[in-house]
Amino acid sequence: MSAAASSSPPLGRYSTLLPPSWRKCIVQWLADDAPTFDVGGFVVGDKPEEAWLLGKTGGVVAGLPFFQAVFEELGCTVEWLIEEGSTVAPTAAAPKVVCAKVRGPARLLLLGERTALNLLSRASGVATEARRMVDIARAAGWRGEVAATRKVTPGSFRLVEKYACLVGGASTHRMDLSHMVMLKDNHIWSRGSITAAVRSAREACGFSSKIDVECGSYEQAAEAAEAGAEITMLDNFAPAELKAVAARLKAKYPHLCVEASGGITADTIASYLSADVDVVSQGALTHGYPCLDFSLKIQPGLMAQQQSKL
């Protein structure tokens, strides 16, 4: 991997969370996109060029480390003009916002273009949707957590989507199947009861993992709490019923974490919020998000002009 330098501002406070292995994903994604000849690269050659990253739809920008890593892998440099988590807001007068400048050989800029844009546009889409949900919750005076779920793109791309949730201000919930224990209806039906399932889970996970149980009634949630679950997920409740059940649970089990889930949207989230609900989780944050539109455009002759001034 090239040690090509990049410019300020920094990539964002969450970039240091990424595991050491994440850059291997970048190498694989680049390899997937160019498994044989790169004829387009042959056409443009190694002429030094500068390309501008243009934001064309409004939203929260996320995924800067992934975008930058693509071009670092190819020996190019990235100069960022925005900070991660900031909002891009194109207008009629300025329909394209310059977010970054990428410099390097023309063929390498184009080799990394689509992979980098795919990562940035999808991460920004997740972050934008997460920010929207969090803003609705905060405007209602609620201070709980809006969380994603495990409805993510299979494979290593889940890391991008979960990372983008953080940038947007939401909680990641479970990163994967091994992160926390969630006992859903299928677990309960197969094991025979909530109590048996929770006790079996505790035997395996010990004290270091929380247990979250999907519940369809107050009685199920109370059984989960009595068995030792730390979290009860009230799934597919109507808002009024959910609030009533959450209040009963908190009155009897004040340290229990109450999660609301199931079909909650931007239009309905406010109706599910109460002081007795700690978490609202939404699969749509990572499987129904719209992508933001970015493009990378080479500025012909710009590098030559800059070099002639030196």
C-alpha atoms as a PDB file:
ATOM      1  CA  MET A   1       0.000   0.000   0.000  1.00  0.00           C
ATOM      2  CA  SER A   2       1.260   3.459  -0.829  1.00  0.00           C
ATOM      3  CA  ALA A   3       2.052   5.852   2.000  1.00  0.00           C
ATOM      4  CA  ALA A   4       0.661   8.731  -0.050  1.00  0.00           C
ATOM      5  CA  ALA A   5      -0.145  11.740   2.095  1.00  0.00           C
ATOM      6  CA  SER A   6      -3.566  13.276   2.546  1.00  0.00           C
ATOM      7  CA  SER A   7      -4.619  16.723   3.635  1.00  0.00           C
ATOM      8  CA  SER A   8      -6.660  18.090   6.528  1.00  0.00           C
ATOM      9  CA  PRO A   9      -9.343  18.082   7.818  1.00  0.00           C
ATOM     10  CA  PRO A  10      -8.897  14.709   9.558  1.00  0.00           C
ATOM     11  CA  LEU A  11     -10.996  11.743   8.539  1.00  0.00           C
ATOM     12  CA  GLY A  12     -13.325  11.891  11.516  1.00  0.00           C
ATOM     13  CA  ARG A  13     -13.470  10.738  15.108  1.00  0.00           C
ATOM     14  CA  TYR A  14     -14.712   7.234  14.282  1.00  0.00           C
ATOM     15  CA  SER A  15     -11.963   6.299  11.815  1.00  0.00           C
ATOM     16  CA  THR A  16      -9.766   4.926  14.608  1.00  0.00           C
ATOM     17  CA  LEU A  17     -12.471   2.353  15.426  1.00  0.00           C
ATOM     18  CA  LEU A  18     -11.830   0.468  12.191  1.00  0.00           C
ATOM     19  CA  PRO A  19     -10.026  -2.869  12.692  1.00  0.00           C
ATOM     20  CA  PRO A  20      -6.513  -3.465  11.298  1.00  0.00           C
ATOM     21  CA  SER A  21      -7.884  -5.814   8.643  1.00  0.00           C
ATOM     22  CA  TRP A  22     -10.273  -3.341   7.016  1.00  0.00           C
ATOM     23  CA  ARG A  23      -7.824  -2.161   4.358  1.00  0.00           C
ATOM     24  CA  LYS A  24      -7.704  -5.696   2.984  1.00  0.00           C
ATOM     25  CA  CYS A  25     -11.306  -5.124   1.959  1.00  0.00           C
ATOM     26  CA  ILE A  26     -10.228  -2.159  -0.164  1.00  0.00           C
ATOM     27  CA  VAL A  27      -7.661  -4.305  -1.971  1.00  0.00           C
ATOM     28  CA  GLN A  28     -10.283  -6.973  -2.655  1.00  0.00           C
ATOM     29  CA  TRP A  29     -12.899  -4.495  -3.871  1.00  0.00           C
ATOM     30  CA  LEU A  30     -10.398  -2.954  -6.293  1.00  0.00           C
ATOM     31  CA  ALA A  31      -9.456  -6.419  -7.526  1.00  0.00           C
ATOM     32  CA  ASP A  32     -13.120  -7.282  -8.032  1.00  0.00           C
ATOM     33  CA  ASP A  33     -13.611  -4.218 -10.223  1.00  0.00           C
ATOM     34  CA  ALA A  34     -10.589  -4.860 -12.475  1.00  0.00           C
ATOM     35  CA  PRO A  35     -10.003  -8.627 -12.661  1.00  0.00           C
ATOM     36  CA  THR A  36      -8.340  -8.508 -16.112  1.00  0.00           C
ATOM     37  CA  PHE A  37      -7.299  -5.743 -18.534  1.00  0.00           C
ATOM     38  CA  ASP A  38      -8.022  -2.076 -17.764  1.00  0.00           C
ATOM     39  CA  VAL A  39      -8.453  -0.763 -21.302  1.00  0.00           C
ATOM     40  CA  GLY A  40      -9.760   2.607 -20.140  1.00  0.00           C
ATOM     41  CA  GLY A  41      -6.603   3.077 -18.081  1.00  0.00           C
ATOM     42  CA  PHE A  42      -4.500   2.182 -21.105  1.00  0.00           C
ATOM     43  CA  VAL A  43      -6.280   4.901 -23.069  1.00  0.00           C
ATOM     44  CA  VAL A  44      -5.526   7.725 -20.617  1.00  0.00           C
ATOM     45  CA  GLY A  45      -2.107   6.563 -19.400  1.00  0.00           C
ATOM     46  CA  ASP A  46      -0.150   7.966 -16.464  1.00  0.00           C
ATOM     47  CA  LYS A  47      -0.521  11.684 -17.144  1.00  0.00           C
ATOM     48  CA  PRO A  48      -0.804  13.543 -13.787  1.00  0.00           C
ATOM     49  CA  GLU A  49      -4.309  14.875 -13.265  1.00  0.00           C
ATOM     50  CA  GLU A  50      -6.500  16.427 -10.584  1.00  0.00           C
ATOM     51  CA  ALA A  51     -10.070  15.218 -10.129  1.00  0.00           C
ATOM     52  CA  TRP A  52     -12.746  16.911  -8.054  1.00  0.00           C
ATOM     53  CA  LEU A  53     -15.203  15.004  -5.910  1.00  0.00           C
ATOM     54  CA  LEU A  54     -18.575  16.654  -6.469  1.00  0.00           C
ATOM     55  CA  GLY A  55     -21.570  16.274  -4.148  1.00  0.00           C
ATOM     56  CA  LYS A  56     -24.789  16.552  -6.140  1.00  0.00           C
ATOM     57  CA  THR A  57     -27.502  15.699  -3.595  1.00  0.00           C
ATOM     58  CA  GLY A  58     -27.952  17.028  -0.083  1.00  0.00           C
ATOM     59  CA  GLY A  59     -27.145  14.933   2.944  1.00  0.00           C
ATOM     60  CA  VAL A  60     -24.595  13.882   5.549  1.00  0.00           C
ATOM     61  CA  VAL A  61     -21.215  12.900   4.143  1.00  0.00           C
ATOM     62  CA  ALA A  62     -19.752   9.687   5.585  1.00  0.00           C
ATOM     63  CA  GLY A  63     -17.200   7.103   4.540  1.00  0.00           C
ATOM     64  CA  LEU A  64     -14.194   9.390   4.096  1.00  0.00           C
ATOM     65  CA  PRO A  65     -11.699   6.770   5.365  1.00  0.00           C
ATOM     66  CA  PHE A  66     -12.936   4.236   2.806  1.00  0.00           C
ATOM     67  CA  PHE A  67     -12.879   6.705  -0.092  1.00  0.00           C
ATOM     68  CA  GLN A  68      -9.401   7.859   0.833  1.00  0.00           C
ATOM     69  CA  ALA A  69      -8.057   4.329   1.324  1.00  0.00           C
ATOM     70  CA  VAL A  70      -9.010   3.423  -2.239  1.00  0.00           C
ATOM     71  CA  PHE A  71      -6.792   6.158  -3.627  1.00  0.00           C
ATOM     72  CA  GLU A  72      -4.012   5.629  -1.096  1.00  0.00           C
ATOM     73  CA  GLU A  73      -3.878   2.024  -2.241  1.00  0.00           C
ATOM     74  CA  LEU A  74      -3.362   3.308  -5.780  1.00  0.00           C
ATOM     75  CA  GLY A  75      -0.709   5.867  -4.792  1.00  0.00           C
ATOM     76  CA  CYS A  76      -2.914   8.947  -5.205  1.00  0.00           C
ATOM     77  CA  THR A  77      -3.489  11.785  -2.732  1.00  0.00           C
ATOM     78  CA  VAL A  78      -6.742  13.208  -1.412  1.00  0.00           C
ATOM     79  CA  GLU A  79      -7.265  16.771  -0.194  1.00  0.00           C
ATOM     80  CA  TRP A  80     -10.507  17.030   1.766  1.00  0.00           C
ATOM     81  CA  LEU A  81     -12.488  20.260   1.727  1.00  0.00           C
ATOM     82  CA  ILE A  82     -15.190  19.011   4.107  1.00  0.00           C
ATOM     83  CA  GLU A  83     -15.280  17.141   7.399  1.00  0.00           C
ATOM     84  CA  GLU A  84     -16.902  13.773   7.903  1.00  0.00           C
ATOM     85  CA  GLY A  85     -20.382  14.145   9.329  1.00  0.00           C
ATOM     86  CA  SER A  86     -20.883  17.564   7.754  1.00  0.00           C
ATOM     87  CA  THR A  87     -23.839  18.267   5.493  1.00  0.00           C
ATOM     88  CA  VAL A  88     -23.521  18.870   1.785  1.00  0.00           C
ATOM     89  CA  ALA A  89     -26.238  21.204   0.552  1.00  0.00           C
ATOM     90  CA  PRO A  90     -26.267  21.846  -3.212  1.00  0.00           C
ATOM     91  CA  THR A  91     -28.402  24.765  -4.378  1.00  0.00           C
ATOM     92  CA  ALA A  92     -29.859  25.922  -7.666  1.00  0.00           C
ATOM     93  CA  ALA A  93     -27.031  28.443  -7.907  1.00  0.00           C
ATOM     94  CA  ALA A  94     -24.371  25.874  -6.918  1.00  0.00           C
ATOM     95  CA  PRO A  95     -25.727  22.419  -7.853  1.00  0.00           C
ATOM     96  CA  LYS A  96     -22.376  20.696  -7.318  1.00  0.00           C
ATOM     97  CA  VAL A  97     -20.350  21.059  -4.112  1.00  0.00           C
ATOM     98  CA  VAL A  98     -16.611  20.366  -4.330  1.00  0.00           C
ATOM     99  CA  CYS A  99     -15.897  17.995  -1.437  1.00  0.00           C
ATOM    100  CA  ALA A 100     -12.343  16.876  -2.198  1.00  0.00           C
ATOM    101  CA  LYS A 101      -9.535  17.021  -4.733  1.00  0.00           C
ATOM    102  CA  VAL A 102      -7.802  13.806  -5.761  1.00  0.00           C
ATOM    103  CA  ARG A 103      -4.436  13.883  -7.507  1.00  0.00           C
ATOM    104  CA  GLY A 104      -2.491  11.189  -9.305  1.00  0.00           C
ATOM    105  CA  PRO A 105      -1.946   9.451 -12.656  1.00  0.00           C
ATOM    106  CA  ALA A 106      -5.086   9.583 -14.800  1.00  0.00           C
ATOM    107  CA  ARG A 107      -5.420   5.811 -15.126  1.00  0.00           C
ATOM    108  CA  LEU A 108      -5.213   5.330 -11.347  1.00  0.00           C
ATOM    109  CA  LEU A 109      -7.774   8.040 -10.667  1.00  0.00           C
ATOM    110  CA  LEU A 110     -10.181   6.260 -12.986  1.00  0.00           C
ATOM    111  CA  LEU A 111      -9.259   2.832 -11.661  1.00  0.00           C
ATOM    112  CA  GLY A 112     -10.360   3.838  -8.165  1.00  0.00           C
ATOM    113  CA  GLU A 113     -13.246   6.112  -9.180  1.00  0.00           C
ATOM    114  CA  ARG A 114     -16.254   3.784  -9.072  1.00  0.00           C
ATOM    115  CA  THR A 115     -15.184   1.767  -6.040  1.00  0.00           C
ATOM    116  CA  ALA A 116     -14.520   4.938  -4.048  1.00  0.00           C
ATOM    117  CA  LEU A 117     -17.781   6.576  -5.130  1.00  0.00           C
ATOM    118  CA  ASN A 118     -19.814   3.450  -4.340  1.00  0.00           C
ATOM    119  CA  LEU A 119     -18.400   3.399  -0.822  1.00  0.00           C
ATOM    120  CA  LEU A 120     -18.950   7.104  -0.229  1.00  0.00           C
ATOM    121  CA  SER A 121     -22.453   7.286  -1.702  1.00  0.00           C
ATOM    122  CA  ARG A 122     -23.723   4.311   0.305  1.00  0.00           C
ATOM    123  CA  ALA A 123     -22.073   5.332   3.566  1.00  0.00           C
ATOM    124  CA  SER A 124     -23.455   8.842   3.141  1.00  0.00           C
ATOM    125  CA  GLY A 125     -26.920   7.448   2.454  1.00  0.00           C
ATOM    126  CA  VAL A 126     -26.877   5.488   5.720  1.00  0.00           C
ATOM    127  CA  ALA A 127     -25.536   8.465   7.680  1.00  0.00           C
ATOM    128  CA  THR A 128     -28.157  10.784   6.199  1.00  0.00           C
ATOM    129  CA  GLU A 129     -31.022   8.463   7.134  1.00  0.00           C
ATOM    130  CA  ALA A 130     -29.568   7.932  10.619  1.00  0.00           C
ATOM    131  CA  ARG A 131     -29.212  11.681  11.180  1.00  0.00           C
ATOM    132  CA  ARG A 132     -32.803  12.234  10.035  1.00  0.00           C
ATOM    133  CA  MET A 133     -34.165   9.702  12.531  1.00  0.00           C
ATOM    134  CA  VAL A 134     -32.045  11.009  15.384  1.00  0.00           C
ATOM    135  CA  ASP A 135     -33.076  14.590  14.641  1.00  0.00           C
ATOM    136  CA  ILE A 136     -36.772  13.619  14.767  1.00  0.00           C
ATOM    137  CA  ALA A 137     -36.237  11.884  18.118  1.00  0.00           C
ATOM    138  CA  ARG A 138     -34.299  14.789  19.601  1.00  0.00           C
ATOM    139  CA  ALA A 139     -36.871  17.310  18.387  1.00  0.00           C
ATOM    140  CA  ALA A 140     -39.456  15.357  20.381  1.00  0.00           C
ATOM    141  CA  GLY A 141     -37.311  15.712  23.503  1.00  0.00           C
ATOM    142  CA  TRP A 142     -36.387  12.015  23.628  1.00  0.00           C
ATOM    143  CA  ARG A 143     -32.876  11.111  24.770  1.00  0.00           C
ATOM    144  CA  GLY A 144     -32.771   7.371  24.053  1.00  0.00           C
ATOM    145  CA  GLU A 145     -30.845   5.663  21.259  1.00  0.00           C
ATOM    146  CA  VAL A 146     -31.882   5.231  17.655  1.00  0.00           C
ATOM    147  CA  ALA A 147     -30.243   1.993  16.530  1.00  0.00           C
ATOM    148  CA  ALA A 148     -29.654   0.060  13.338  1.00  0.00           C
ATOM    149  CA  THR A 149     -30.148  -3.714  13.185  1.00  0.00           C
ATOM    150  CA  ARG A 150     -28.305  -6.647  11.623  1.00  0.00           C
ATOM    151  CA  LYS A 151     -30.125  -6.149   8.319  1.00  0.00           C
ATOM    152  CA  VAL A 152     -26.916  -5.230   6.546  1.00  0.00           C
ATOM    153  CA  THR A 153     -25.185  -6.100   3.282  1.00  0.00           C
ATOM    154  CA  PRO A 154     -23.575  -9.545   3.751  1.00  0.00           C
ATOM    155  CA  GLY A 155     -19.814  -9.744   3.970  1.00  0.00           C
ATOM    156  CA  SER A 156     -17.295  -7.045   4.744  1.00  0.00           C
ATOM    157  CA  PHE A 157     -19.504  -4.201   3.503  1.00  0.00           C
ATOM    158  CA  ARG A 158     -21.426  -4.379   6.784  1.00  0.00           C
ATOM    159  CA  LEU A 159     -18.469  -2.512   8.288  1.00  0.00           C
ATOM    160  CA  VAL A 160     -19.144   0.464   6.008  1.00  0.00           C
ATOM    161  CA  GLU A 161     -22.852   0.575   6.857  1.00  0.00           C
ATOM    162  CA  LYS A 162     -22.369   0.216  10.606  1.00  0.00           C
ATOM    163  CA  TYR A 163     -19.607   2.849  10.544  1.00  0.00           C
ATOM    164  CA  ALA A 164     -21.929   5.230   8.712  1.00  0.00           C
ATOM    165  CA  CYS A 165     -24.590   4.759  11.402  1.00  0.00           C
ATOM    166  CA  LEU A 166     -22.165   6.161  13.958  1.00  0.00           C
ATOM    167  CA  VAL A 167     -21.321   9.131  11.751  1.00  0.00           C
ATOM    168  CA  GLY A 168     -25.040   9.849  11.448  1.00  0.00           C
ATOM    169  CA  GLY A 169     -25.470   9.781  15.223  1.00  0.00           C
ATOM    170  CA  ALA A 170     -27.197   6.401  15.564  1.00  0.00           C
ATOM    171  CA  SER A 171     -26.170   3.313  17.516  1.00  0.00           C
ATOM    172  CA  THR A 172     -24.890   0.287  15.624  1.00  0.00           C
ATOM    173  CA  HIS A 173     -26.875  -2.216  17.736  1.00  0.00           C
ATOM    174  CA  ARG A 174     -25.320  -5.649  17.051  1.00  0.00           C
ATOM    175  CA  MET A 175     -22.352  -5.584  14.686  1.00  0.00           C
ATOM    176  CA  ASP A 176     -22.814  -9.264  13.868  1.00  0.00           C
ATOM    177  CA  LEU A 177     -24.321 -12.481  15.206  1.00  0.00           C
ATOM    178  CA  SER A 178     -21.574 -12.851  17.823  1.00  0.00           C
ATOM    179  CA  HIS A 179     -22.020  -9.330  19.176  1.00  0.00           C
ATOM    180  CA  MET A 180     -24.470  -9.449  22.088  1.00  0.00           C
ATOM    181  CA  VAL A 181     -27.095 -12.220  22.303  1.00  0.00           C
ATOM    182  CA  MET A 182     -30.485 -11.767  20.711  1.00  0.00           C
ATOM    183  CA  LEU A 183     -33.123 -14.435  21.262  1.00  0.00           C
ATOM    184  CA  LYS A 184     -35.927 -14.119  18.731  1.00  0.00           C
ATOM    185  CA  ASP A 185     -39.166 -16.032  18.260  1.00  0.00           C
ATOM    186  CA  ASN A 186     -37.463 -18.933  16.467  1.00  0.00           C
ATOM    187  CA  HIS A 187     -35.059 -19.431  19.376  1.00  0.00           C
ATOM    188  CA  ILE A 188     -37.920 -19.417  21.866  1.00  0.00           C
ATOM    189  CA  TRP A 189     -40.105 -21.784  19.850  1.00  0.00           C
ATOM    190  CA  SER A 190     -37.250 -24.222  19.340  1.00  0.00           C
ATOM    191  CA  ARG A 191     -36.007 -24.122  22.948  1.00  0.00           C
ATOM    192  CA  GLY A 192     -39.493 -24.336  24.433  1.00  0.00           C
ATOM    193  CA  SER A 193     -39.681 -21.218  26.604  1.00  0.00           C
ATOM    194  CA  ILE A 194     -38.142 -17.805  27.146  1.00  0.00           C
ATOM    195  CA  THR A 195     -36.788 -18.840  30.537  1.00  0.00           C
ATOM    196  CA  ALA A 196     -35.041 -21.918  29.158  1.00  0.00           C
ATOM    197  CA  ALA A 197     -33.604 -19.986  26.242  1.00  0.00           C
ATOM    198  CA  VAL A 198     -32.246 -17.165  28.447  1.00  0.00           C
ATOM    199  CA  ARG A 199     -30.684 -19.562  30.921  1.00  0.00           C
ATOM    200  CA  SER A 200     -29.039 -21.548  28.157  1.00  0.00           C
ATOM    201  CA  ALA A 201     -27.706 -18.356  26.577  1.00  0.00           C
ATOM    202  CA  ARG A 202     -26.320 -17.149  29.903  1.00  0.00           C
ATOM    203  CA  GLU A 203     -24.499 -20.430  30.381  1.00  0.00           C
ATOM    204  CA  ALA A 204     -22.675 -19.864  27.092  1.00  0.00           C
ATOM    205  CA  CYS A 205     -22.098 -16.092  27.103  1.00  0.00           C
ATOM    206  CA  GLY A 206     -21.425 -15.594  30.803  1.00  0.00           C
ATOM    207  CA  PHE A 207     -21.402 -12.132  32.343  1.00  0.00           C
ATOM    208  CA  SER A 208     -19.629 -10.367  29.479  1.00  0.00           C
ATOM    209  CA  SER A 209     -22.541 -10.222  27.001  1.00  0.00           C
ATOM    210  CA  LYS A 210     -26.009  -8.776  27.328  1.00  0.00           C
ATOM    211  CA  ILE A 211     -29.060 -10.808  26.355  1.00  0.00           C
ATOM    212  CA  ASP A 212     -31.845  -9.207  24.315  1.00  0.00           C
ATOM    213  CA  VAL A 213     -35.152 -11.069  23.990  1.00  0.00           C
ATOM    214  CA  GLU A 214     -37.798 -10.398  21.360  1.00  0.00           C
ATOM    215  CA  CYS A 215     -41.204 -10.186  23.079  1.00  0.00           C
ATOM    216  CA  GLY A 216     -44.768  -9.906  21.852  1.00  0.00           C
ATOM    217  CA  SER A 217     -46.494  -9.159  25.158  1.00  0.00           C
ATOM    218  CA  TYR A 218     -45.959  -7.819  28.647  1.00  0.00           C
ATOM    219  CA  GLU A 219     -45.990 -11.364  30.006  1.00  0.00           C
ATOM    220  CA  GLN A 220     -43.194 -12.462  27.684  1.00  0.00           C
ATOM    221  CA  ALA A 221     -41.107  -9.401  28.529  1.00  0.00           C
ATOM    222  CA  ALA A 222     -41.602  -9.953  32.261  1.00  0.00           C
ATOM    223  CA  GLU A 223     -40.561 -13.591  31.892  1.00  0.00           C
ATOM    224  CA  ALA A 224     -37.411 -12.503  30.041  1.00  0.00           C
ATOM    225  CA  ALA A 225     -36.580  -9.973  32.762  1.00  0.00           C
ATOM    226  CA  GLU A 226     -37.132 -12.542  35.519  1.00  0.00           C
ATOM    227  CA  ALA A 227     -34.894 -15.013  33.692  1.00  0.00           C
ATOM    228  CA  GLY A 228     -32.059 -12.482  33.620  1.00  0.00           C
ATOM    229  CA  ALA A 229     -32.258 -10.761  30.235  1.00  0.00           C
ATOM    230  CA  GLU A 230     -30.953  -7.200  30.271  1.00  0.00           C
ATOM    231  CA  ILE A 231     -32.961  -6.040  27.239  1.00  0.00           C
ATOM    232  CA  THR A 232     -36.512  -6.736  26.095  1.00  0.00           C
ATOM    233  CA  MET A 233     -37.357  -5.886  22.512  1.00  0.00           C
ATOM    234  CA  LEU A 234     -41.047  -5.072  22.167  1.00  0.00           C
ATOM    235  CA  ASP A 235     -41.627  -6.109  18.579  1.00  0.00           C
ATOM    236  CA  ASN A 236     -44.435  -4.934  16.299  1.00  0.00           C
ATOM    237  CA  PHE A 237     -46.488  -3.209  18.992  1.00  0.00           C
ATOM    238  CA  ALA A 238     -48.907  -0.407  18.236  1.00  0.00           C
ATOM    239  CA  PRO A 239     -47.543   2.856  19.728  1.00  0.00           C
ATOM    240  CA  ALA A 240     -50.099   3.190  22.544  1.00  0.00           C
ATOM    241  CA  GLU A 241     -49.739  -0.460  23.574  1.00  0.00           C
ATOM    242  CA  LEU A 242     -45.969  -0.225  23.451  1.00  0.00           C
ATOM    243  CA  LYS A 243     -45.897   2.773  25.759  1.00  0.00           C
ATOM    244  CA  ALA A 244     -48.225   1.082  28.229  1.00  0.00           C
ATOM    245  CA  VAL A 245     -46.183  -2.129  28.309  1.00  0.00           C
ATOM    246  CA  ALA A 246     -42.913  -0.191  28.578  1.00  0.00           C
ATOM    247  CA  ALA A 247     -44.276   1.759  31.565  1.00  0.00           C
ATOM    248  CA  ARG A 248     -45.338  -1.461  33.347  1.00  0.00           C
ATOM    249  CA  LEU A 249     -41.934  -3.027  32.734  1.00  0.00           C
ATOM    250  CA  LYS A 250     -39.988  -0.009  33.984  1.00  0.00           C
ATOM    251  CA  ALA A 251     -42.148   0.194  37.097  1.00  0.00           C
ATOM    252  CA  LYS A 252     -41.300  -3.387  38.051  1.00  0.00           C
ATOM    253  CA  TYR A 253     -37.826  -3.686  36.487  1.00  0.00           C
ATOM    254  CA  PRO A 254     -36.322  -0.166  36.540  1.00  0.00           C
ATOM    255  CA  HIS A 255     -32.911  -1.323  35.301  1.00  0.00           C
ATOM    256  CA  LEU A 256     -34.341  -3.211  32.314  1.00  0.00           C
ATOM    257  CA  CYS A 257     -33.522  -1.744  28.897  1.00  0.00           C
ATOM    258  CA  VAL A 258     -36.684  -1.500  26.791  1.00  0.00           C
ATOM    259  CA  GLU A 259     -36.297  -1.565  23.006  1.00  0.00           C
ATOM    260  CA  ALA A 260     -39.013  -0.771  20.476  1.00  0.00           C
ATOM    261  CA  SER A 261     -38.803  -2.327  17.020  1.00  0.00           C
ATOM    262  CA  GLY A 262     -40.854  -3.422  14.049  1.00  0.00           C
ATOM    263  CA  GLY A 263     -42.001  -1.294  11.125  1.00  0.00           C
ATOM    264  CA  ILE A 264     -41.000   2.024  12.675  1.00  0.00           C
ATOM    265  CA  THR A 265     -40.499   4.757  10.065  1.00  0.00           C
ATOM    266  CA  ALA A 266     -39.702   8.455   9.920  1.00  0.00           C
ATOM    267  CA  ASP A 267     -43.436   9.142   9.814  1.00  0.00           C
ATOM    268  CA  THR A 268     -44.211   7.055  12.922  1.00  0.00           C
ATOM    269  CA  ILE A 269     -41.097   7.134  15.117  1.00  0.00           C
ATOM    270  CA  ALA A 270     -42.291  10.080  17.223  1.00  0.00           C
ATOM    271  CA  SER A 271     -45.388   8.131  18.290  1.00  0.00           C
ATOM    272  CA  TYR A 272     -43.231   5.352  19.782  1.00  0.00           C
ATOM    273  CA  LEU A 273     -41.090   7.584  21.966  1.00  0.00           C
ATOM    274  CA  SER A 274     -41.538   7.801  25.728  1.00  0.00           C
ATOM    275  CA  ALA A 275     -39.417   8.093  28.850  1.00  0.00           C
ATOM    276  CA  ASP A 276     -39.863   4.333  29.345  1.00  0.00           C
ATOM    277  CA  VAL A 277     -38.409   3.408  25.947  1.00  0.00           C
ATOM    278  CA  ASP A 278     -34.611   3.333  25.837  1.00  0.00           C
ATOM    279  CA  VAL A 279     -33.917   2.210  22.262  1.00  0.00           C
ATOM    280  CA  VAL A 280     -35.754   2.403  18.949  1.00  0.00           C
ATOM    281  CA  SER A 281     -34.243   0.058  16.361  1.00  0.00           C
ATOM    282  CA  GLN A 282     -34.835   0.218  12.612  1.00  0.00           C
ATOM    283  CA  GLY A 283     -33.708  -2.207   9.938  1.00  0.00           C
ATOM    284  CA  ALA A 284     -34.330   0.462   7.301  1.00  0.00           C
ATOM    285  CA  LEU A 285     -31.224   2.351   8.410  1.00  0.00           C
ATOM    286  CA  THR A 286     -29.031  -0.282   6.755  1.00  0.00           C
ATOM    287  CA  HIS A 287     -31.243  -1.964   4.174  1.00  0.00           C
ATOM    288  CA  GLY A 288     -33.615   0.683   2.856  1.00  0.00           C
ATOM    289  CA  TYR A 289     -31.444   3.772   2.622  1.00  0.00           C
ATOM    290  CA  PRO A 290     -31.179   6.027  -0.448  1.00  0.00           C
ATOM    291  CA  CYS A 291     -27.662   6.665  -1.761  1.00  0.00           C
ATOM    292  CA  LEU A 292     -26.255  10.159  -2.107  1.00  0.00           C
ATOM    293  CA  ASP A 293     -25.080  11.171  -5.574  1.00  0.00           C
ATOM    294  CA  PHE A 294     -21.384  11.962  -6.005  1.00  0.00           C
ATOM    295  CA  SER A 295     -19.181  12.155  -9.083  1.00  0.00           C
ATOM    296  CA  LEU A 296     -15.440  12.409  -9.655  1.00  0.00           C
ATOM    297  CA  LYS A 297     -14.464  14.687 -12.519  1.00  0.00           C
ATOM    298  CA  ILE A 298     -10.968  15.209 -13.918  1.00  0.00           C
ATOM    299  CA  GLN A 299     -10.084  18.890 -14.421  1.00  0.00           C
ATOM    300  CA  PRO A 300      -8.174  18.839 -17.731  1.00  0.00           C
ATOM    301  CA  GLY A 301      -4.837  20.648 -17.671  1.00  0.00           C
ATOM    302  CA  LEU A 302      -5.144  21.771 -14.042  1.00  0.00           C
ATOM    303  CA  MET A 303      -2.128  19.815 -12.832  1.00  0.00           C
ATOM    304  CA  ALA A 304      -0.014  21.138 -15.688  1.00  0.00           C
ATOM    305  CA  GLN A 305      -1.032  24.706 -14.823  1.00  0.00           C
ATOM    306  CA  GLN A 306      -0.111  24.211 -11.196  1.00  0.00           C
ATOM    307  CA  GLN A 307       3.246  22.680 -12.042  1.00  0.00           C
ATOM    308  CA  SER A 308       4.080  25.525 -14.425  1.00  0.00           C
ATOM    309  CA  LYS A 309       3.697  27.995 -11.537  1.00  0.00           C
ATOM    310  CA  LEU A 310       6.280  26.217  -9.411  1.00  0.00           C
END
